[in-house]
């Protein structure tokens, strides 16, 4: 089985719609991202169904809580086949260390979320009193210190990630758009550009799941990053 670089984000609470999307996807061409919209509505049974279809799972719940709660939450997925899951880097070193311990116990990689791709410079100044690049750099340094398996970041921060993180660390980039669109993502890039800049995996949601032909859209994205 190949290790596809595309992660398709399924963001619906409707089981029928979610299954219809999965039916048009190829596990040889993509992994599946399951976020809070899907998980909160459909739960573990959907995770297991996705695995049975042959897809590798990226569980994107962006856990952020006290260290013990995050540790126990991750351990609670011991009966699921999850390749990677996310926590917020801003949860701090102790939380991240506990997350890593739990991840190792259930054989899943722990990926740290830096700054959401919906946020811009003014947001990070208001929230953290720091500019975007400096704040992301600080978070990446924490990820390195605790030896996290990888990070999630905008494709525009891949250069910072490549400078601070070891080359072997996973770098997952959302905000992939091959055409300009008006939506809630502000720091976007094409799939080809992101992979050229060092993205290990790229997350693509609506450009695939809302396409007229989902399977063709996935194949087109896959072809674009392989050429």
N, C-alpha and C. Protein backbone atom coordinates (compact mmCIF):
# COMPACT_ATOMS: atom_id res chain seq x y z
N UNK A 1 0.84 -1.20 0.00
CA UNK A 1 0.00 0.00 0.00
C UNK A 1 0.87 1.24 0.00
N UNK A 2 0.53 2.22 -0.81
CA UNK A 2 1.29 3.46 -0.88
C UNK A 2 1.02 4.33 0.34
N UNK A 3 1.87 5.33 0.55
CA UNK A 3 1.66 6.28 1.64
C UNK A 3 1.30 7.63 1.01
N UNK A 4 0.02 7.85 0.75
CA UNK A 4 -0.38 9.06 0.02
C UNK A 4 -0.06 10.33 0.78
N UNK A 5 0.23 11.39 0.04
CA UNK A 5 0.59 12.68 0.64
C UNK A 5 -0.62 13.58 0.84
N UNK A 6 -1.74 13.22 0.23
CA UNK A 6 -2.97 14.02 0.38
C UNK A 6 -3.81 13.48 1.52
N UNK A 7 -4.29 14.39 2.37
CA UNK A 7 -5.23 14.05 3.43
C UNK A 7 -6.53 14.78 3.13
N UNK A 8 -7.59 14.03 2.85
CA UNK A 8 -8.88 14.66 2.53
C UNK A 8 -9.65 14.89 3.82
N UNK A 9 -10.06 16.13 4.02
CA UNK A 9 -10.82 16.51 5.22
C UNK A 9 -12.31 16.32 4.97
N UNK A 10 -12.91 15.46 5.77
CA UNK A 10 -14.36 15.26 5.71
C UNK A 10 -14.99 16.01 6.87
N UNK A 11 -15.69 17.08 6.55
CA UNK A 11 -16.24 17.96 7.59
C UNK A 11 -17.75 18.05 7.48
N UNK A 12 -18.41 16.95 7.82
CA UNK A 12 -19.87 16.93 7.83
C UNK A 12 -20.35 16.07 8.99
N UNK A 13 -21.47 16.46 9.57
CA UNK A 13 -22.06 15.65 10.65
C UNK A 13 -23.09 14.66 10.11
N UNK A 14 -23.27 14.66 8.79
CA UNK A 14 -24.27 13.81 8.14
C UNK A 14 -23.61 12.49 7.71
N UNK A 15 -23.99 11.38 8.34
CA UNK A 15 -23.37 10.09 8.06
C UNK A 15 -23.54 9.68 6.60
N UNK A 16 -24.72 9.90 6.04
CA UNK A 16 -24.97 9.53 4.65
C UNK A 16 -24.04 10.29 3.71
N UNK A 17 -23.89 11.59 3.97
CA UNK A 17 -23.02 12.41 3.14
C UNK A 17 -21.57 12.01 3.31
N UNK A 18 -21.16 11.73 4.55
CA UNK A 18 -19.78 11.32 4.81
C UNK A 18 -19.45 10.02 4.09
N UNK A 19 -20.36 9.07 4.14
CA UNK A 19 -20.13 7.78 3.47
C UNK A 19 -20.12 7.94 1.95
N UNK A 20 -20.93 8.85 1.44
CA UNK A 20 -20.94 9.10 0.00
C UNK A 20 -19.60 9.67 -0.47
N UNK A 21 -19.03 10.55 0.34
CA UNK A 21 -17.71 11.11 0.01
C UNK A 21 -16.65 10.01 0.04
N UNK A 22 -16.66 9.20 1.11
CA UNK A 22 -15.68 8.12 1.23
C UNK A 22 -15.76 7.16 0.05
N UNK A 23 -16.97 6.91 -0.42
CA UNK A 23 -17.15 5.95 -1.52
C UNK A 23 -16.48 6.40 -2.80
N UNK A 24 -16.24 7.70 -2.94
CA UNK A 24 -15.62 8.23 -4.15
C UNK A 24 -14.12 8.47 -3.98
N UNK A 25 -13.58 8.15 -2.81
CA UNK A 25 -12.16 8.36 -2.56
C UNK A 25 -11.40 7.05 -2.64
N UNK A 26 -10.11 7.16 -2.92
CA UNK A 26 -9.25 5.98 -3.09
C UNK A 26 -8.19 5.98 -1.98
N UNK A 27 -8.16 4.95 -1.12
CA UNK A 27 -7.17 4.92 -0.04
C UNK A 27 -5.72 4.86 -0.52
N UNK A 28 -5.51 4.55 -1.79
CA UNK A 28 -4.16 4.60 -2.34
C UNK A 28 -3.74 6.02 -2.68
N UNK A 29 -4.72 6.93 -2.77
CA UNK A 29 -4.43 8.32 -3.14
C UNK A 29 -4.56 9.30 -1.98
N UNK A 30 -5.22 8.88 -0.89
CA UNK A 30 -5.40 9.83 0.21
C UNK A 30 -5.60 9.15 1.56
N UNK A 31 -5.26 9.89 2.58
CA UNK A 31 -5.65 9.56 3.95
C UNK A 31 -6.93 10.36 4.23
N UNK A 32 -7.52 10.15 5.41
CA UNK A 32 -8.74 10.87 5.77
C UNK A 32 -8.53 11.66 7.06
N UNK A 33 -8.88 12.94 7.00
CA UNK A 33 -8.86 13.77 8.20
C UNK A 33 -10.24 13.78 8.82
N UNK A 34 -10.30 13.40 10.08
CA UNK A 34 -11.55 13.45 10.84
C UNK A 34 -11.38 14.49 11.93
N UNK A 35 -12.15 15.56 11.83
CA UNK A 35 -12.09 16.65 12.80
C UNK A 35 -13.25 16.61 13.76
N UNK A 36 -13.42 17.70 14.48
CA UNK A 36 -14.43 17.73 15.54
C UNK A 36 -15.85 17.67 15.02
N UNK A 37 -16.12 18.25 13.84
CA UNK A 37 -17.48 18.22 13.29
C UNK A 37 -17.94 16.78 13.11
N UNK A 38 -17.08 15.97 12.47
CA UNK A 38 -17.43 14.57 12.21
C UNK A 38 -17.40 13.75 13.50
N UNK A 39 -16.32 13.88 14.25
CA UNK A 39 -16.17 13.01 15.42
C UNK A 39 -17.25 13.27 16.47
N UNK A 40 -17.58 14.53 16.71
CA UNK A 40 -18.59 14.83 17.72
C UNK A 40 -19.97 14.30 17.33
N UNK A 41 -20.22 14.19 16.03
CA UNK A 41 -21.52 13.71 15.57
C UNK A 41 -21.56 12.19 15.40
N UNK A 42 -20.45 11.62 14.89
CA UNK A 42 -20.48 10.22 14.48
C UNK A 42 -19.62 9.29 15.33
N UNK A 43 -18.69 9.85 16.09
CA UNK A 43 -17.97 9.09 17.10
C UNK A 43 -17.01 8.02 16.59
N UNK A 44 -16.66 7.14 17.53
CA UNK A 44 -15.67 6.09 17.25
C UNK A 44 -16.12 5.12 16.17
N UNK A 45 -17.40 4.88 16.07
CA UNK A 45 -17.87 3.91 15.08
C UNK A 45 -17.50 4.37 13.67
N UNK A 46 -17.53 5.68 13.44
CA UNK A 46 -17.16 6.19 12.12
C UNK A 46 -15.65 6.03 11.90
N UNK A 47 -14.86 6.28 12.95
CA UNK A 47 -13.42 6.05 12.83
C UNK A 47 -13.14 4.62 12.38
N UNK A 48 -13.81 3.69 13.00
CA UNK A 48 -13.59 2.28 12.69
C UNK A 48 -14.07 1.93 11.28
N UNK A 49 -15.17 2.55 10.85
CA UNK A 49 -15.66 2.32 9.50
C UNK A 49 -14.66 2.82 8.46
N UNK A 50 -14.07 3.99 8.73
CA UNK A 50 -13.08 4.56 7.81
C UNK A 50 -11.88 3.62 7.69
N UNK A 51 -11.44 3.09 8.83
CA UNK A 51 -10.31 2.14 8.82
C UNK A 51 -10.64 0.88 8.04
N UNK A 52 -11.85 0.38 8.20
CA UNK A 52 -12.26 -0.84 7.50
C UNK A 52 -12.29 -0.64 5.99
N UNK A 53 -12.47 0.60 5.57
CA UNK A 53 -12.45 0.91 4.13
C UNK A 53 -11.03 1.00 3.59
N UNK A 54 -10.04 0.88 4.48
CA UNK A 54 -8.65 0.87 4.04
C UNK A 54 -7.94 2.21 4.14
N UNK A 55 -8.61 3.22 4.71
CA UNK A 55 -7.99 4.54 4.81
C UNK A 55 -7.18 4.69 6.11
N UNK A 56 -6.07 5.40 6.03
CA UNK A 56 -5.34 5.79 7.22
C UNK A 56 -5.95 7.08 7.77
N UNK A 57 -5.99 7.19 9.09
CA UNK A 57 -6.74 8.28 9.72
C UNK A 57 -5.83 9.32 10.35
N UNK A 58 -6.15 10.57 10.06
CA UNK A 58 -5.56 11.74 10.72
C UNK A 58 -6.66 12.33 11.58
N UNK A 59 -6.60 12.09 12.89
CA UNK A 59 -7.63 12.55 13.81
C UNK A 59 -7.28 13.96 14.28
N UNK A 60 -8.02 14.93 13.81
CA UNK A 60 -7.67 16.34 14.04
C UNK A 60 -8.64 16.97 15.04
N UNK A 61 -8.46 16.62 16.31
CA UNK A 61 -9.32 17.17 17.36
C UNK A 61 -8.66 18.34 18.07
N UNK A 62 -7.39 18.61 17.76
CA UNK A 62 -6.66 19.76 18.34
C UNK A 62 -6.82 19.81 19.86
N UNK A 63 -6.45 18.72 20.52
CA UNK A 63 -6.61 18.63 21.97
C UNK A 63 -5.82 19.72 22.68
N UNK A 64 -6.45 20.33 23.67
CA UNK A 64 -5.84 21.43 24.42
C UNK A 64 -6.51 21.47 25.79
N UNK A 65 -5.83 20.90 26.79
CA UNK A 65 -6.40 20.81 28.12
C UNK A 65 -5.27 20.59 29.11
N UNK A 66 -5.60 20.34 30.36
CA UNK A 66 -4.54 20.05 31.32
C UNK A 66 -3.86 18.74 30.92
N UNK A 67 -2.58 18.56 31.28
CA UNK A 67 -1.82 17.40 30.78
C UNK A 67 -2.49 16.06 31.00
N UNK A 68 -3.03 15.81 32.19
CA UNK A 68 -3.61 14.50 32.45
C UNK A 68 -4.84 14.24 31.61
N UNK A 69 -5.65 15.27 31.40
CA UNK A 69 -6.85 15.11 30.58
C UNK A 69 -6.50 14.75 29.14
N UNK A 70 -5.49 15.43 28.59
CA UNK A 70 -5.05 15.13 27.22
C UNK A 70 -4.50 13.71 27.15
N UNK A 71 -3.71 13.33 28.14
CA UNK A 71 -3.13 11.99 28.20
C UNK A 71 -4.23 10.92 28.20
N UNK A 72 -5.21 11.07 29.07
CA UNK A 72 -6.29 10.09 29.18
C UNK A 72 -7.19 10.08 27.95
N UNK A 73 -7.39 11.25 27.35
CA UNK A 73 -8.21 11.33 26.14
C UNK A 73 -7.57 10.53 25.01
N UNK A 74 -6.27 10.68 24.86
CA UNK A 74 -5.56 9.95 23.81
C UNK A 74 -5.58 8.44 24.09
N UNK A 75 -5.36 8.06 25.33
CA UNK A 75 -5.41 6.64 25.69
C UNK A 75 -6.78 6.04 25.37
N UNK A 76 -7.81 6.87 25.41
CA UNK A 76 -9.16 6.39 25.14
C UNK A 76 -9.37 5.92 23.71
N UNK A 77 -8.41 6.22 22.82
CA UNK A 77 -8.50 5.77 21.43
C UNK A 77 -7.70 4.49 21.20
N UNK A 78 -7.41 3.76 22.27
CA UNK A 78 -6.58 2.55 22.17
C UNK A 78 -7.19 1.49 21.26
N UNK A 79 -8.51 1.55 21.09
CA UNK A 79 -9.18 0.54 20.27
C UNK A 79 -9.45 1.01 18.85
N UNK A 80 -8.82 2.12 18.47
CA UNK A 80 -8.97 2.66 17.12
C UNK A 80 -7.61 2.67 16.41
N UNK A 81 -7.65 2.53 15.11
CA UNK A 81 -6.43 2.55 14.31
C UNK A 81 -6.23 3.97 13.78
N UNK A 82 -5.45 4.76 14.50
CA UNK A 82 -5.23 6.16 14.16
C UNK A 82 -3.75 6.36 13.84
N UNK A 83 -3.46 6.87 12.66
CA UNK A 83 -2.06 7.08 12.28
C UNK A 83 -1.47 8.31 12.95
N UNK A 84 -2.25 9.41 12.97
CA UNK A 84 -1.78 10.67 13.55
C UNK A 84 -2.95 11.37 14.22
N UNK A 85 -2.63 12.14 15.28
CA UNK A 85 -3.65 12.97 15.91
C UNK A 85 -3.03 14.30 16.32
N UNK A 86 -3.87 15.29 16.54
CA UNK A 86 -3.35 16.64 16.80
C UNK A 86 -3.63 17.13 18.23
N UNK A 87 -2.67 17.94 18.69
CA UNK A 87 -2.81 18.69 19.94
C UNK A 87 -2.34 20.11 19.65
N UNK A 88 -2.77 21.05 20.48
CA UNK A 88 -2.32 22.43 20.31
C UNK A 88 -0.95 22.62 20.97
N UNK A 89 0.00 23.16 20.23
CA UNK A 89 1.32 23.44 20.79
C UNK A 89 1.24 24.43 21.94
N UNK A 90 0.26 25.30 21.91
CA UNK A 90 0.12 26.30 22.96
C UNK A 90 -0.33 25.70 24.29
N UNK A 91 -0.58 24.38 24.32
CA UNK A 91 -0.90 23.71 25.58
C UNK A 91 0.29 23.60 26.52
N UNK A 92 1.49 23.81 25.99
CA UNK A 92 2.68 23.83 26.84
C UNK A 92 3.43 22.50 26.89
N UNK A 93 4.66 22.57 27.40
CA UNK A 93 5.57 21.43 27.37
C UNK A 93 5.03 20.20 28.10
N UNK A 94 4.51 20.38 29.31
CA UNK A 94 4.06 19.22 30.07
C UNK A 94 2.89 18.52 29.39
N UNK A 95 1.96 19.30 28.85
CA UNK A 95 0.84 18.70 28.13
C UNK A 95 1.34 17.92 26.92
N UNK A 96 2.30 18.49 26.20
CA UNK A 96 2.83 17.84 25.01
C UNK A 96 3.59 16.56 25.35
N UNK A 97 4.33 16.58 26.44
CA UNK A 97 5.05 15.37 26.87
C UNK A 97 4.07 14.25 27.23
N UNK A 98 3.01 14.62 27.94
CA UNK A 98 2.01 13.61 28.30
C UNK A 98 1.29 13.08 27.05
N UNK A 99 1.07 13.96 26.09
CA UNK A 99 0.44 13.54 24.84
C UNK A 99 1.33 12.54 24.10
N UNK A 100 2.64 12.80 24.09
CA UNK A 100 3.58 11.90 23.43
C UNK A 100 3.59 10.52 24.09
N UNK A 101 3.57 10.51 25.42
CA UNK A 101 3.54 9.22 26.13
C UNK A 101 2.31 8.42 25.77
N UNK A 102 1.16 9.10 25.74
CA UNK A 102 -0.09 8.41 25.39
C UNK A 102 -0.07 7.96 23.93
N UNK A 103 0.45 8.82 23.05
CA UNK A 103 0.52 8.47 21.64
C UNK A 103 1.37 7.23 21.40
N UNK A 104 2.50 7.16 22.09
CA UNK A 104 3.37 5.99 21.96
C UNK A 104 2.67 4.73 22.46
N UNK A 105 1.86 4.89 23.50
CA UNK A 105 1.14 3.75 24.07
C UNK A 105 0.12 3.17 23.10
N UNK A 106 -0.54 4.03 22.30
CA UNK A 106 -1.55 3.54 21.37
C UNK A 106 -1.03 3.50 19.93
N UNK A 107 0.27 3.71 19.77
CA UNK A 107 0.94 3.60 18.46
C UNK A 107 0.40 4.61 17.45
N UNK A 108 0.31 5.86 17.87
CA UNK A 108 -0.08 6.93 16.96
C UNK A 108 0.89 8.09 17.09
N UNK A 109 1.10 8.80 16.01
CA UNK A 109 1.99 9.95 16.02
C UNK A 109 1.23 11.19 16.50
N UNK A 110 1.91 12.01 17.31
CA UNK A 110 1.30 13.23 17.85
C UNK A 110 1.83 14.44 17.07
N UNK A 111 0.90 15.20 16.53
CA UNK A 111 1.22 16.33 15.67
C UNK A 111 0.73 17.62 16.34
N UNK A 112 1.61 18.61 16.43
CA UNK A 112 1.28 19.86 17.11
C UNK A 112 0.75 20.92 16.16
N UNK A 113 -0.36 21.52 16.53
CA UNK A 113 -0.96 22.61 15.75
C UNK A 113 -0.35 23.93 16.21
N UNK A 114 0.12 24.71 15.27
CA UNK A 114 0.75 25.99 15.61
C UNK A 114 -0.32 27.09 15.68
N UNK A 115 -0.53 27.78 14.58
CA UNK A 115 -1.55 28.83 14.51
C UNK A 115 -2.56 28.46 13.43
N UNK A 116 -3.84 28.52 13.75
CA UNK A 116 -4.89 28.16 12.79
C UNK A 116 -4.76 28.98 11.51
N UNK A 117 -4.98 28.33 10.36
CA UNK A 117 -4.82 29.02 9.09
C UNK A 117 -5.89 30.08 8.84
N UNK A 118 -6.89 30.14 9.69
CA UNK A 118 -7.90 31.20 9.56
C UNK A 118 -7.43 32.50 10.22
N UNK A 119 -6.34 32.45 10.98
CA UNK A 119 -5.85 33.63 11.70
C UNK A 119 -4.78 34.36 10.90
N UNK A 120 -4.76 35.68 11.07
CA UNK A 120 -3.77 36.52 10.41
C UNK A 120 -2.93 37.27 11.42
N UNK A 121 -2.13 38.20 10.92
CA UNK A 121 -1.20 38.96 11.76
C UNK A 121 -1.90 39.70 12.89
N UNK A 122 -3.02 40.36 12.58
CA UNK A 122 -3.72 41.14 13.61
C UNK A 122 -4.25 40.22 14.72
N UNK A 123 -4.63 38.99 14.36
CA UNK A 123 -5.13 38.05 15.35
C UNK A 123 -4.03 37.63 16.32
N UNK A 124 -2.86 37.30 15.79
CA UNK A 124 -1.78 36.85 16.68
C UNK A 124 -1.28 37.98 17.56
N UNK A 125 -1.31 39.20 17.05
CA UNK A 125 -0.93 40.34 17.88
C UNK A 125 -1.92 40.52 19.03
N UNK A 126 -3.21 40.36 18.74
CA UNK A 126 -4.23 40.52 19.77
C UNK A 126 -4.21 39.36 20.77
N UNK A 127 -4.00 38.15 20.28
CA UNK A 127 -4.07 36.97 21.14
C UNK A 127 -2.80 36.72 21.94
N UNK A 128 -1.65 36.94 21.29
CA UNK A 128 -0.37 36.56 21.91
C UNK A 128 0.58 37.72 22.14
N UNK A 129 0.22 38.91 21.64
CA UNK A 129 1.14 40.04 21.77
C UNK A 129 2.41 39.81 20.99
N UNK A 130 2.32 39.10 19.88
CA UNK A 130 3.49 38.72 19.11
C UNK A 130 3.11 38.67 17.63
N UNK A 131 4.07 38.93 16.74
CA UNK A 131 3.74 38.81 15.32
C UNK A 131 3.65 37.35 14.93
N UNK A 132 3.07 37.10 13.78
CA UNK A 132 2.74 35.75 13.35
C UNK A 132 3.98 34.85 13.27
N UNK A 133 5.00 35.29 12.56
CA UNK A 133 6.18 34.45 12.36
C UNK A 133 6.91 34.16 13.67
N UNK A 134 7.04 35.17 14.53
CA UNK A 134 7.73 34.95 15.80
C UNK A 134 6.97 34.00 16.70
N UNK A 135 5.65 34.14 16.73
CA UNK A 135 4.84 33.25 17.56
C UNK A 135 4.92 31.81 17.06
N UNK A 136 4.86 31.63 15.76
CA UNK A 136 4.97 30.29 15.20
C UNK A 136 6.34 29.71 15.47
N UNK A 137 7.38 30.53 15.34
CA UNK A 137 8.74 30.07 15.64
C UNK A 137 8.87 29.60 17.07
N UNK A 138 8.29 30.34 18.00
CA UNK A 138 8.33 29.95 19.42
C UNK A 138 7.64 28.61 19.64
N UNK A 139 6.50 28.41 18.98
CA UNK A 139 5.76 27.17 19.13
C UNK A 139 6.53 25.99 18.53
N UNK A 140 7.16 26.21 17.40
CA UNK A 140 7.97 25.15 16.78
C UNK A 140 9.16 24.75 17.67
N UNK A 141 9.72 25.73 18.36
CA UNK A 141 10.84 25.42 19.26
C UNK A 141 10.37 24.53 20.42
N UNK A 142 9.15 24.76 20.90
CA UNK A 142 8.60 23.89 21.94
C UNK A 142 8.40 22.48 21.39
N UNK A 143 7.90 22.38 20.15
CA UNK A 143 7.70 21.07 19.51
C UNK A 143 9.02 20.32 19.41
N UNK A 144 10.09 21.03 19.08
CA UNK A 144 11.42 20.42 18.99
C UNK A 144 11.91 19.97 20.36
N UNK A 145 11.69 20.80 21.36
CA UNK A 145 12.16 20.51 22.71
C UNK A 145 11.56 19.22 23.26
N UNK A 146 10.28 18.98 22.98
CA UNK A 146 9.62 17.78 23.50
C UNK A 146 9.64 16.62 22.50
N UNK A 147 10.32 16.83 21.38
CA UNK A 147 10.48 15.78 20.36
C UNK A 147 9.15 15.29 19.80
N UNK A 148 8.25 16.23 19.54
CA UNK A 148 6.96 15.88 18.94
C UNK A 148 7.18 15.26 17.56
N UNK A 149 6.24 14.44 17.11
CA UNK A 149 6.40 13.75 15.83
C UNK A 149 6.31 14.68 14.63
N UNK A 150 5.63 15.82 14.80
CA UNK A 150 5.50 16.74 13.68
C UNK A 150 4.61 17.91 14.04
N UNK A 151 4.35 18.75 13.04
CA UNK A 151 3.53 19.94 13.26
C UNK A 151 2.53 20.12 12.13
N UNK A 152 1.49 20.87 12.44
CA UNK A 152 0.58 21.39 11.44
C UNK A 152 0.85 22.88 11.32
N UNK A 153 1.00 23.36 10.10
CA UNK A 153 1.20 24.81 9.92
C UNK A 153 0.73 25.22 8.54
N UNK A 154 0.48 26.50 8.39
CA UNK A 154 0.17 27.03 7.07
C UNK A 154 1.35 26.77 6.14
N UNK A 155 1.08 26.56 4.85
CA UNK A 155 2.19 26.37 3.92
C UNK A 155 3.16 27.55 3.90
N UNK A 156 2.68 28.72 4.30
CA UNK A 156 3.55 29.89 4.34
C UNK A 156 4.55 29.84 5.49
N UNK A 157 4.34 28.94 6.44
CA UNK A 157 5.29 28.81 7.55
C UNK A 157 6.21 27.59 7.39
N UNK A 158 6.17 26.95 6.23
CA UNK A 158 7.03 25.79 6.02
C UNK A 158 8.50 26.13 6.09
N UNK A 159 8.87 27.31 5.63
CA UNK A 159 10.28 27.72 5.69
C UNK A 159 10.75 27.81 7.13
N UNK A 160 9.90 28.35 8.02
CA UNK A 160 10.23 28.42 9.44
C UNK A 160 10.34 27.02 10.01
N UNK A 161 9.40 26.15 9.65
CA UNK A 161 9.41 24.77 10.15
C UNK A 161 10.67 24.05 9.70
N UNK A 162 11.07 24.24 8.45
CA UNK A 162 12.26 23.57 7.93
C UNK A 162 13.53 24.06 8.63
N UNK A 163 13.50 25.30 9.10
CA UNK A 163 14.66 25.86 9.78
C UNK A 163 14.78 25.34 11.21
N UNK A 164 13.64 25.21 11.90
CA UNK A 164 13.65 24.89 13.33
C UNK A 164 13.54 23.40 13.59
N UNK A 165 12.70 22.70 12.82
CA UNK A 165 12.46 21.28 13.07
C UNK A 165 13.47 20.40 12.31
N UNK A 166 13.69 19.21 12.83
CA UNK A 166 14.49 18.24 12.11
C UNK A 166 13.81 17.90 10.79
N UNK A 167 14.62 17.61 9.78
CA UNK A 167 14.07 17.31 8.46
C UNK A 167 13.14 16.10 8.47
N UNK A 168 13.37 15.17 9.41
CA UNK A 168 12.56 13.95 9.44
C UNK A 168 11.19 14.16 10.07
N UNK A 169 10.97 15.32 10.69
CA UNK A 169 9.69 15.56 11.34
C UNK A 169 8.58 15.78 10.32
N UNK A 170 7.38 15.33 10.66
CA UNK A 170 6.22 15.46 9.78
C UNK A 170 5.75 16.92 9.75
N UNK A 171 5.47 17.41 8.56
CA UNK A 171 4.93 18.77 8.40
C UNK A 171 3.64 18.66 7.57
N UNK A 172 2.52 18.96 8.22
CA UNK A 172 1.20 18.86 7.58
C UNK A 172 0.67 20.26 7.32
N UNK A 173 0.27 20.51 6.08
CA UNK A 173 -0.20 21.85 5.73
C UNK A 173 -1.65 21.84 5.25
N UNK A 174 -2.53 22.53 5.98
CA UNK A 174 -3.89 22.77 5.48
C UNK A 174 -3.89 24.04 4.62
N UNK A 175 -5.07 24.52 4.29
CA UNK A 175 -5.15 25.76 3.51
C UNK A 175 -4.69 25.59 2.08
N UNK A 176 -4.93 24.40 1.49
CA UNK A 176 -4.51 24.15 0.11
C UNK A 176 -5.64 24.55 -0.84
N UNK A 177 -5.31 25.46 -1.74
CA UNK A 177 -6.27 25.94 -2.73
C UNK A 177 -5.55 26.08 -4.06
N UNK A 178 -6.00 25.39 -5.09
CA UNK A 178 -5.36 25.53 -6.40
C UNK A 178 -5.97 26.65 -7.23
N UNK A 179 -7.08 27.24 -6.73
CA UNK A 179 -7.64 28.44 -7.34
C UNK A 179 -8.01 29.39 -6.22
N UNK A 180 -8.07 30.67 -6.53
CA UNK A 180 -8.43 31.66 -5.51
C UNK A 180 -9.91 31.56 -5.19
N UNK A 181 -10.24 31.45 -3.89
CA UNK A 181 -11.63 31.39 -3.45
C UNK A 181 -11.80 32.27 -2.23
N UNK A 182 -13.04 32.65 -1.99
CA UNK A 182 -13.36 33.44 -0.80
C UNK A 182 -13.93 32.51 0.26
N UNK A 183 -13.12 32.18 1.28
CA UNK A 183 -13.62 31.38 2.38
C UNK A 183 -12.87 31.76 3.65
N UNK A 184 -12.89 30.89 4.69
CA UNK A 184 -12.33 31.26 5.97
C UNK A 184 -10.84 30.94 6.12
N UNK A 185 -10.20 30.54 5.03
CA UNK A 185 -8.76 30.28 5.07
C UNK A 185 -8.05 31.51 4.51
N UNK A 186 -7.07 32.04 5.27
CA UNK A 186 -6.39 33.25 4.82
C UNK A 186 -4.96 33.00 4.36
N UNK A 187 -4.33 31.93 4.85
CA UNK A 187 -2.92 31.68 4.49
C UNK A 187 -2.86 30.40 3.67
N UNK A 188 -3.10 30.55 2.36
CA UNK A 188 -3.27 29.39 1.49
C UNK A 188 -2.15 29.29 0.46
N UNK A 189 -2.12 28.15 -0.26
CA UNK A 189 -1.11 27.90 -1.28
C UNK A 189 -1.57 26.72 -2.11
N UNK A 190 -1.03 26.59 -3.32
CA UNK A 190 -1.38 25.44 -4.14
C UNK A 190 -0.72 24.18 -3.60
N UNK A 191 -1.27 23.03 -3.97
CA UNK A 191 -0.73 21.75 -3.52
C UNK A 191 0.70 21.57 -3.99
N UNK A 192 0.98 21.88 -5.24
CA UNK A 192 2.32 21.72 -5.80
C UNK A 192 3.33 22.59 -5.05
N UNK A 193 2.97 23.85 -4.83
CA UNK A 193 3.87 24.76 -4.12
C UNK A 193 4.18 24.26 -2.72
N UNK A 194 3.14 23.80 -2.02
CA UNK A 194 3.33 23.35 -0.63
C UNK A 194 4.27 22.15 -0.56
N UNK A 195 4.11 21.20 -1.46
CA UNK A 195 4.99 20.03 -1.43
C UNK A 195 6.41 20.41 -1.82
N UNK A 196 6.55 21.36 -2.74
CA UNK A 196 7.89 21.81 -3.11
C UNK A 196 8.59 22.53 -1.96
N UNK A 197 7.80 23.15 -1.09
CA UNK A 197 8.37 23.87 0.05
C UNK A 197 8.63 22.95 1.24
N UNK A 198 8.31 21.67 1.11
CA UNK A 198 8.67 20.73 2.15
C UNK A 198 7.53 20.11 2.94
N UNK A 199 6.28 20.30 2.51
CA UNK A 199 5.16 19.67 3.21
C UNK A 199 5.24 18.15 3.06
N UNK A 200 5.12 17.44 4.17
CA UNK A 200 5.07 15.98 4.13
C UNK A 200 3.71 15.52 3.63
N UNK A 201 2.67 16.13 4.21
CA UNK A 201 1.30 15.84 3.81
C UNK A 201 0.55 17.15 3.64
N UNK A 202 -0.43 17.17 2.75
CA UNK A 202 -1.26 18.36 2.55
C UNK A 202 -2.72 17.99 2.80
N UNK A 203 -3.41 18.87 3.52
CA UNK A 203 -4.82 18.65 3.83
C UNK A 203 -5.68 19.43 2.85
N UNK A 204 -6.60 18.74 2.19
CA UNK A 204 -7.50 19.36 1.24
C UNK A 204 -8.92 18.96 1.59
N UNK A 205 -9.79 19.94 1.77
CA UNK A 205 -11.17 19.66 2.12
C UNK A 205 -12.13 19.99 1.00
N UNK A 206 -12.71 21.16 1.07
CA UNK A 206 -13.77 21.56 0.15
C UNK A 206 -13.41 21.48 -1.34
N UNK A 207 -12.16 21.80 -1.75
CA UNK A 207 -11.85 21.68 -3.19
C UNK A 207 -12.01 20.25 -3.72
N UNK A 208 -11.98 19.27 -2.82
CA UNK A 208 -12.24 17.88 -3.23
C UNK A 208 -13.65 17.46 -2.87
N UNK A 209 -14.03 17.62 -1.60
CA UNK A 209 -15.32 17.07 -1.13
C UNK A 209 -16.52 17.80 -1.70
N UNK A 210 -16.34 19.04 -2.16
CA UNK A 210 -17.45 19.77 -2.76
C UNK A 210 -17.31 19.87 -4.28
N UNK A 211 -16.38 19.12 -4.83
CA UNK A 211 -16.19 19.12 -6.29
C UNK A 211 -17.34 18.40 -6.97
N UNK A 212 -17.55 18.74 -8.24
CA UNK A 212 -18.62 18.10 -9.01
C UNK A 212 -18.36 16.60 -9.12
N UNK A 213 -17.09 16.23 -9.30
CA UNK A 213 -16.69 14.82 -9.34
C UNK A 213 -15.53 14.65 -8.35
N UNK A 214 -15.82 14.08 -7.18
CA UNK A 214 -14.85 13.98 -6.10
C UNK A 214 -13.64 13.15 -6.51
N UNK A 215 -13.88 12.02 -7.14
CA UNK A 215 -12.77 11.13 -7.51
C UNK A 215 -11.84 11.78 -8.52
N UNK A 216 -12.40 12.53 -9.45
CA UNK A 216 -11.57 13.24 -10.45
C UNK A 216 -10.79 14.36 -9.77
N UNK A 217 -11.42 15.08 -8.86
CA UNK A 217 -10.72 16.16 -8.16
C UNK A 217 -9.54 15.62 -7.37
N UNK A 218 -9.74 14.49 -6.68
CA UNK A 218 -8.65 13.87 -5.93
C UNK A 218 -7.52 13.45 -6.87
N UNK A 219 -7.86 12.83 -7.98
CA UNK A 219 -6.84 12.39 -8.94
C UNK A 219 -6.07 13.58 -9.50
N UNK A 220 -6.76 14.67 -9.77
CA UNK A 220 -6.11 15.87 -10.31
C UNK A 220 -5.11 16.45 -9.29
N UNK A 221 -5.50 16.52 -8.03
CA UNK A 221 -4.60 17.01 -7.00
C UNK A 221 -3.40 16.08 -6.86
N UNK A 222 -3.66 14.77 -6.87
CA UNK A 222 -2.59 13.79 -6.74
C UNK A 222 -1.59 13.92 -7.89
N UNK A 223 -2.12 14.04 -9.10
CA UNK A 223 -1.26 14.20 -10.27
C UNK A 223 -0.45 15.49 -10.20
N UNK A 224 -1.06 16.55 -9.68
CA UNK A 224 -0.39 17.85 -9.64
C UNK A 224 0.84 17.86 -8.75
N UNK A 225 0.82 17.06 -7.68
CA UNK A 225 1.97 17.06 -6.79
C UNK A 225 3.03 16.02 -7.18
N UNK A 226 2.66 15.12 -8.07
CA UNK A 226 3.60 14.11 -8.52
C UNK A 226 4.37 14.53 -9.76
N UNK A 227 3.85 15.50 -10.48
CA UNK A 227 4.51 15.93 -11.72
C UNK A 227 5.71 16.82 -11.42
